[in-house]
Amino acid sequence: MPGDGLAIVAGRGDLPRLIAEDCARRGRDYRVVVFEGIALDWLGAHPAIPAVFEKPGRLFADLRAAGCGQVVFAGGMRRPGLNPMRFDLKALSLAPKLLAGLRAGDDSTLRAVAKVFEAEGLTLRAVQEVLSDLLAPAGVLTRAAPGEADRADAERAARIVAALGAVDVGQAAVVAQGICLGVESIQGTDALLDFVRVSRANFLPDPGGARGLLFKGPKPGQDRRMDLPAIGTGTVAAVAAAGLAGIVVQAGGTLVVGREATVAAADAAGIFLWGREPAA
């Protein structure tokens, strides 16, 4: 029978570190799963299991030996470039399903991965189950607040993100003065905001009008145990650099990593952070 230990499949960003530190503080049995090519400068203080994408059989054996019966996926991770010459027997048996998933959208890929872990008797835990204070609450969290034009832009952005999510493309959009300045795709939110930073002035009809905002929210029907949209202090810095007025996230459906620090950074930058409740 699987044990009660928690395996933290760690990607980029602060989220996996926060989970590992929380486990260590509470004395919970855990292991950080680190795949090849992912550098974690905080890993030295935590028990770890090295992993290779092409060798899931070894990973599952290591998880069982460590008593890990629960798994949480945390942090950003690029799709791996798989080398079939390195596949173990488990990878060979899983290849048709996994390769089909990798050719689909992010949510389809993650659903395929989830089924593989569950078939091994592992229980998937959502990040927000492990760290319960991460979900964005409803309301404006900052001193700055969205105006009427910002609220209209947020409504349009929410519709755009819902449409993107319906075809499993992305979880974010930037809208200013009713114009969509960019949407998130495989490149991620940072690339979206960098594009807006260098191009937004070319597309706004009123230079003195609403400066625009970033909206992030989950995809319709998304498996919320994996890959919920997230923001943190880095998002705040990128939004400010792009000249936008604020960040809008779906309340209850978006992670705010390091909420206190994120709100403080937004206040320092003079931008708003609003947890918008989804339309009924």
Protein backbone atom coordinates (compact mmCIF):
# COMPACT_ATOMS: atom_id res chain seq x y z
CA MET A 1 0.00 0.00 0.00
CA PRO A 2 1.28 3.55 -0.77
CA GLY A 3 2.48 5.56 2.22
CA ASP A 4 1.33 8.96 3.44
CA GLY A 5 4.41 10.86 2.26
CA LEU A 6 4.03 13.72 -0.20
CA ALA A 7 6.00 13.84 -3.45
CA ILE A 8 6.46 17.42 -4.65
CA VAL A 9 7.07 17.34 -8.41
CA ALA A 10 9.01 20.59 -8.63
CA GLY A 11 9.11 23.02 -11.51
CA ARG A 12 10.29 26.60 -11.76
CA GLY A 13 9.28 29.38 -9.38
CA ASP A 14 8.73 29.73 -5.65
CA LEU A 15 5.74 27.44 -5.27
CA PRO A 16 7.52 24.09 -4.84
CA ARG A 17 9.93 25.66 -2.36
CA LEU A 18 7.05 27.03 -0.29
CA ILE A 19 5.40 23.60 -0.17
CA ALA A 20 8.67 21.90 0.82
CA GLU A 21 9.29 24.46 3.55
CA ASP A 22 5.76 24.03 4.85
CA CYS A 23 6.20 20.24 5.00
CA ALA A 24 9.51 20.67 6.84
CA ARG A 25 7.97 23.05 9.38
CA ARG A 26 5.08 20.68 10.10
CA GLY A 27 7.26 17.58 10.22
CA ARG A 28 5.45 15.99 7.31
CA ASP A 29 7.19 13.22 5.38
CA TYR A 30 7.98 14.48 1.86
CA ARG A 31 10.36 14.25 -1.07
CA VAL A 32 11.10 16.82 -3.79
CA VAL A 33 11.04 15.18 -7.23
CA VAL A 34 13.56 16.91 -9.50
CA PHE A 35 13.59 16.10 -13.19
CA GLU A 36 16.68 16.48 -15.36
CA GLY A 37 17.24 20.02 -16.58
CA ILE A 38 15.45 21.73 -13.69
CA ALA A 39 17.85 23.67 -11.45
CA LEU A 40 16.60 24.38 -7.93
CA ASP A 41 18.95 26.58 -5.91
CA TRP A 42 16.99 25.85 -2.70
CA LEU A 43 17.05 22.06 -2.95
CA GLY A 44 20.00 21.41 -0.64
CA ALA A 45 17.89 21.74 2.51
CA HIS A 46 15.32 19.14 1.44
CA PRO A 47 15.13 15.37 0.77
CA ALA A 48 15.00 14.78 -2.97
CA ILE A 49 14.39 12.12 -5.61
CA PRO A 50 16.15 12.73 -8.94
CA ALA A 51 14.02 11.76 -11.92
CA VAL A 52 14.36 11.24 -15.67
CA PHE A 53 11.37 11.84 -17.94
CA GLU A 54 12.08 8.72 -19.98
CA LYS A 55 12.29 6.46 -16.89
CA PRO A 56 8.96 6.64 -15.03
CA GLY A 57 9.37 3.06 -13.83
CA ARG A 58 12.37 4.08 -11.74
CA LEU A 59 10.53 7.12 -10.41
CA PHE A 60 7.50 5.11 -9.29
CA ALA A 61 9.77 2.56 -7.59
CA ASP A 62 11.63 5.36 -5.79
CA LEU A 63 8.34 6.92 -4.64
CA ARG A 64 7.13 3.62 -3.24
CA ALA A 65 10.45 3.04 -1.47
CA ALA A 66 10.23 6.51 0.08
CA GLY A 67 6.65 5.91 1.28
CA CYS A 68 5.16 8.62 -0.93
CA GLY A 69 1.54 7.85 -1.74
CA GLN A 70 0.50 11.42 -2.57
CA VAL A 71 1.77 13.73 -5.31
CA VAL A 72 1.48 17.48 -5.89
CA PHE A 73 2.66 19.20 -9.07
CA ALA A 74 4.03 22.68 -8.37
CA GLY A 75 5.82 25.25 -10.50
CA GLY A 76 6.28 25.79 -14.21
CA MET A 77 7.71 23.03 -16.37
CA ARG A 78 8.40 22.99 -20.09
CA ARG A 79 7.38 20.01 -22.19
CA PRO A 80 10.33 17.64 -22.31
CA GLY A 81 12.10 16.61 -25.48
CA LEU A 82 11.84 12.85 -25.05
CA ASN A 83 14.53 10.47 -26.32
CA PRO A 84 12.93 7.07 -27.09
CA MET A 85 16.34 5.42 -26.87
CA ARG A 86 16.30 6.10 -23.11
CA PHE A 87 12.79 4.72 -22.44
CA ASP A 88 12.47 2.12 -19.70
CA LEU A 89 9.84 -0.61 -19.93
CA LYS A 90 7.23 1.52 -18.16
CA ALA A 91 7.83 4.39 -20.59
CA LEU A 92 7.48 2.06 -23.56
CA SER A 93 4.11 0.85 -22.27
CA LEU A 94 2.94 4.42 -21.64
CA ALA A 95 4.37 5.97 -24.81
CA PRO A 96 1.21 5.96 -26.98
CA LYS A 97 -0.87 7.80 -24.36
CA LEU A 98 1.86 10.20 -23.25
CA LEU A 99 3.00 11.14 -26.75
CA ALA A 100 -0.61 11.81 -27.76
CA GLY A 101 -0.99 14.03 -24.70
CA LEU A 102 2.19 15.97 -25.45
CA ARG A 103 0.83 16.82 -28.91
CA ALA A 104 -2.34 18.31 -27.38
CA GLY A 105 -2.91 21.37 -25.19
CA ASP A 106 -1.52 21.82 -21.70
CA ASP A 107 -4.65 20.61 -19.91
CA SER A 108 -4.89 17.50 -22.08
CA THR A 109 -1.22 16.77 -21.41
CA LEU A 110 -1.64 17.16 -17.66
CA ARG A 111 -4.74 14.98 -17.63
CA ALA A 112 -2.73 12.24 -19.34
CA VAL A 113 0.06 12.60 -16.77
CA ALA A 114 -2.47 12.54 -13.92
CA LYS A 115 -3.94 9.26 -15.17
CA VAL A 116 -0.48 7.69 -15.27
CA PHE A 117 0.23 8.60 -11.64
CA GLU A 118 -3.21 7.51 -10.48
CA ALA A 119 -2.80 4.16 -12.26
CA GLU A 120 0.22 3.60 -10.02
CA GLY A 121 -1.98 3.98 -6.93
CA LEU A 122 -0.82 7.52 -6.18
CA THR A 123 -3.25 10.22 -5.01
CA LEU A 124 -2.99 13.61 -6.70
CA ARG A 125 -3.28 16.59 -4.38
CA ALA A 126 -4.00 20.13 -5.53
CA VAL A 127 -1.53 22.85 -4.55
CA GLN A 128 -4.37 24.73 -2.86
CA GLU A 129 -5.11 21.68 -0.73
CA VAL A 130 -1.53 21.55 0.52
CA LEU A 131 -1.22 25.32 1.07
CA SER A 132 -4.76 26.48 1.74
CA ASP A 133 -4.07 30.24 1.79
CA LEU A 134 -2.84 30.43 -1.82
CA LEU A 135 -6.15 30.96 -3.63
CA ALA A 136 -6.91 34.56 -4.49
CA PRO A 137 -9.74 35.98 -2.38
CA ALA A 138 -12.49 38.16 -3.85
CA GLY A 139 -11.98 41.91 -3.77
CA VAL A 140 -9.30 44.54 -4.34
CA LEU A 141 -6.18 43.68 -2.34
CA THR A 142 -4.16 46.85 -2.99
CA ARG A 143 -4.34 50.56 -2.28
CA ALA A 144 -4.86 51.24 -5.99
CA ALA A 145 -8.25 50.16 -7.33
CA PRO A 146 -9.63 49.52 -10.81
CA GLY A 147 -11.74 52.25 -12.37
CA GLU A 148 -14.81 51.88 -14.55
CA ALA A 149 -12.73 51.50 -17.73
CA ASP A 150 -10.55 48.88 -16.04
CA ARG A 151 -13.61 46.88 -15.02
CA ALA A 152 -14.84 46.93 -18.60
CA ASP A 153 -11.42 45.75 -19.80
CA ALA A 154 -11.47 42.98 -17.17
CA GLU A 155 -14.85 41.77 -18.42
CA ARG A 156 -13.56 41.59 -21.98
CA ALA A 157 -10.34 39.88 -20.90
CA ALA A 158 -12.27 37.29 -18.89
CA ARG A 159 -14.33 36.41 -21.96
CA ILE A 160 -11.18 36.10 -24.07
CA VAL A 161 -9.50 33.81 -21.53
CA ALA A 162 -12.62 31.66 -21.29
CA ALA A 163 -12.57 31.28 -25.09
CA LEU A 164 -8.84 30.44 -25.07
CA GLY A 165 -9.39 27.91 -22.32
CA ALA A 166 -12.20 26.20 -24.18
CA VAL A 167 -9.67 25.16 -26.84
CA ASP A 168 -6.92 24.45 -24.25
CA VAL A 169 -4.57 27.26 -25.29
CA GLY A 170 -3.86 29.65 -22.40
CA GLN A 171 -4.96 31.23 -19.14
CA ALA A 172 -4.15 34.93 -19.57
CA ALA A 173 -4.83 37.97 -21.72
CA VAL A 174 -3.95 41.67 -21.71
CA VAL A 175 -6.68 44.16 -22.62
CA ALA A 176 -6.55 47.96 -22.75
CA GLN A 177 -9.33 50.30 -23.89
CA GLY A 178 -11.27 47.25 -25.05
CA ILE A 179 -8.43 46.10 -27.32
CA CYS A 180 -6.76 42.74 -26.78
CA LEU A 181 -3.03 43.49 -26.80
CA GLY A 182 -1.99 39.87 -26.41
CA VAL A 183 -2.94 36.41 -25.19
CA GLU A 184 -1.00 33.67 -23.43
CA SER A 185 -0.07 30.56 -25.38
CA ILE A 186 2.68 27.96 -25.03
CA GLN A 187 5.32 30.69 -24.38
CA GLY A 188 3.72 31.67 -21.06
CA THR A 189 2.77 34.84 -19.22
CA ASP A 190 6.26 36.37 -19.12
CA ALA A 191 6.52 36.27 -22.91
CA LEU A 192 3.04 37.79 -23.22
CA LEU A 193 3.93 40.68 -20.92
CA ASP A 194 7.25 41.29 -22.67
CA PHE A 195 5.44 41.50 -26.01
CA VAL A 196 2.99 44.01 -24.53
CA ARG A 197 5.86 46.01 -23.06
CA VAL A 198 7.49 46.59 -26.43
CA SER A 199 4.33 46.97 -28.52
CA ARG A 200 1.41 48.40 -26.50
CA ALA A 201 1.99 52.02 -27.51
CA ASN A 202 1.45 51.09 -31.16
CA PHE A 203 -2.12 49.93 -30.63
CA LEU A 204 -3.85 52.21 -28.11
CA PRO A 205 -6.23 54.72 -29.74
CA ASP A 206 -6.15 57.09 -26.75
CA PRO A 207 -2.68 57.63 -25.22
CA GLY A 208 -4.34 59.22 -22.19
CA GLY A 209 -6.94 56.48 -21.74
CA ALA A 210 -6.99 53.31 -19.68
CA ARG A 211 -3.53 51.76 -19.46
CA GLY A 212 -4.74 48.17 -19.56
CA LEU A 213 -4.50 45.10 -17.37
CA LEU A 214 -3.45 41.48 -17.19
CA PHE A 215 -6.21 38.95 -16.52
CA LYS A 216 -5.53 35.37 -15.41
CA GLY A 217 -8.06 32.64 -14.76
CA PRO A 218 -8.46 28.86 -15.07
CA LYS A 219 -9.72 27.13 -18.19
CA PRO A 220 -13.36 25.99 -18.25
CA GLY A 221 -13.56 22.44 -16.93
CA GLN A 222 -9.87 22.43 -15.96
CA ASP A 223 -8.56 19.75 -13.60
CA ARG A 224 -7.82 22.06 -10.69
CA ARG A 225 -5.38 19.66 -9.11
CA MET A 226 -2.81 20.70 -11.70
CA ASP A 227 -1.61 23.91 -13.34
CA LEU A 228 -3.94 26.51 -11.85
CA PRO A 229 -2.88 29.97 -13.06
CA ALA A 230 -0.60 31.76 -10.62
CA ILE A 231 0.88 35.18 -9.99
CA GLY A 232 3.59 36.46 -7.68
CA THR A 233 6.07 39.28 -7.26
CA GLY A 234 7.63 38.51 -10.64
CA THR A 235 4.24 38.99 -12.31
CA VAL A 236 3.87 42.35 -10.60
CA ALA A 237 7.28 43.49 -11.87
CA ALA A 238 6.49 42.39 -15.43
CA VAL A 239 3.07 44.09 -15.39
CA ALA A 240 4.61 47.32 -14.13
CA ALA A 241 7.36 47.14 -16.77
CA ALA A 242 4.68 46.69 -19.45
CA GLY A 243 3.04 49.95 -18.36
CA LEU A 244 -0.23 48.31 -17.31
CA ALA A 245 -2.48 49.60 -14.55
CA GLY A 246 -3.10 46.34 -12.77
CA ILE A 247 -3.68 42.62 -12.46
CA VAL A 248 -7.05 40.90 -12.34
CA VAL A 249 -7.34 37.26 -11.33
CA GLN A 250 -10.32 34.98 -10.98
CA ALA A 251 -11.08 34.79 -7.28
CA GLY A 252 -10.96 31.24 -5.98
CA GLY A 253 -9.37 30.02 -9.22
CA THR A 254 -5.91 31.61 -9.24
CA LEU A 255 -2.92 31.13 -6.94
CA VAL A 256 -1.21 34.15 -5.40
CA VAL A 257 2.26 32.93 -4.43
CA GLY A 258 3.56 34.89 -1.45
CA ARG A 259 0.43 37.00 -1.11
CA GLU A 260 1.82 39.48 1.40
CA ALA A 261 4.94 40.16 -0.68
CA THR A 262 2.92 40.28 -3.91
CA VAL A 263 0.46 42.85 -2.55
CA ALA A 264 3.33 44.90 -1.13
CA ALA A 265 5.10 44.85 -4.51
CA ALA A 266 1.90 45.95 -6.27
CA ASP A 267 1.43 48.80 -3.79
CA ALA A 268 5.04 49.87 -4.31
CA ALA A 269 4.53 49.84 -8.09
CA GLY A 270 1.20 51.71 -7.84
CA ILE A 271 -0.78 49.02 -9.62
CA PHE A 272 -3.97 47.31 -8.51
CA LEU A 273 -4.55 43.64 -7.75
CA TRP A 274 -8.18 42.57 -7.95
CA GLY A 275 -9.67 39.17 -7.22
CA ARG A 276 -12.66 39.24 -9.56
CA GLU A 277 -15.50 36.85 -8.89
CA PRO A 278 -16.54 34.90 -12.01
CA ALA A 279 -19.81 35.83 -13.64
CA ALA A 280 -22.73 33.68 -12.53
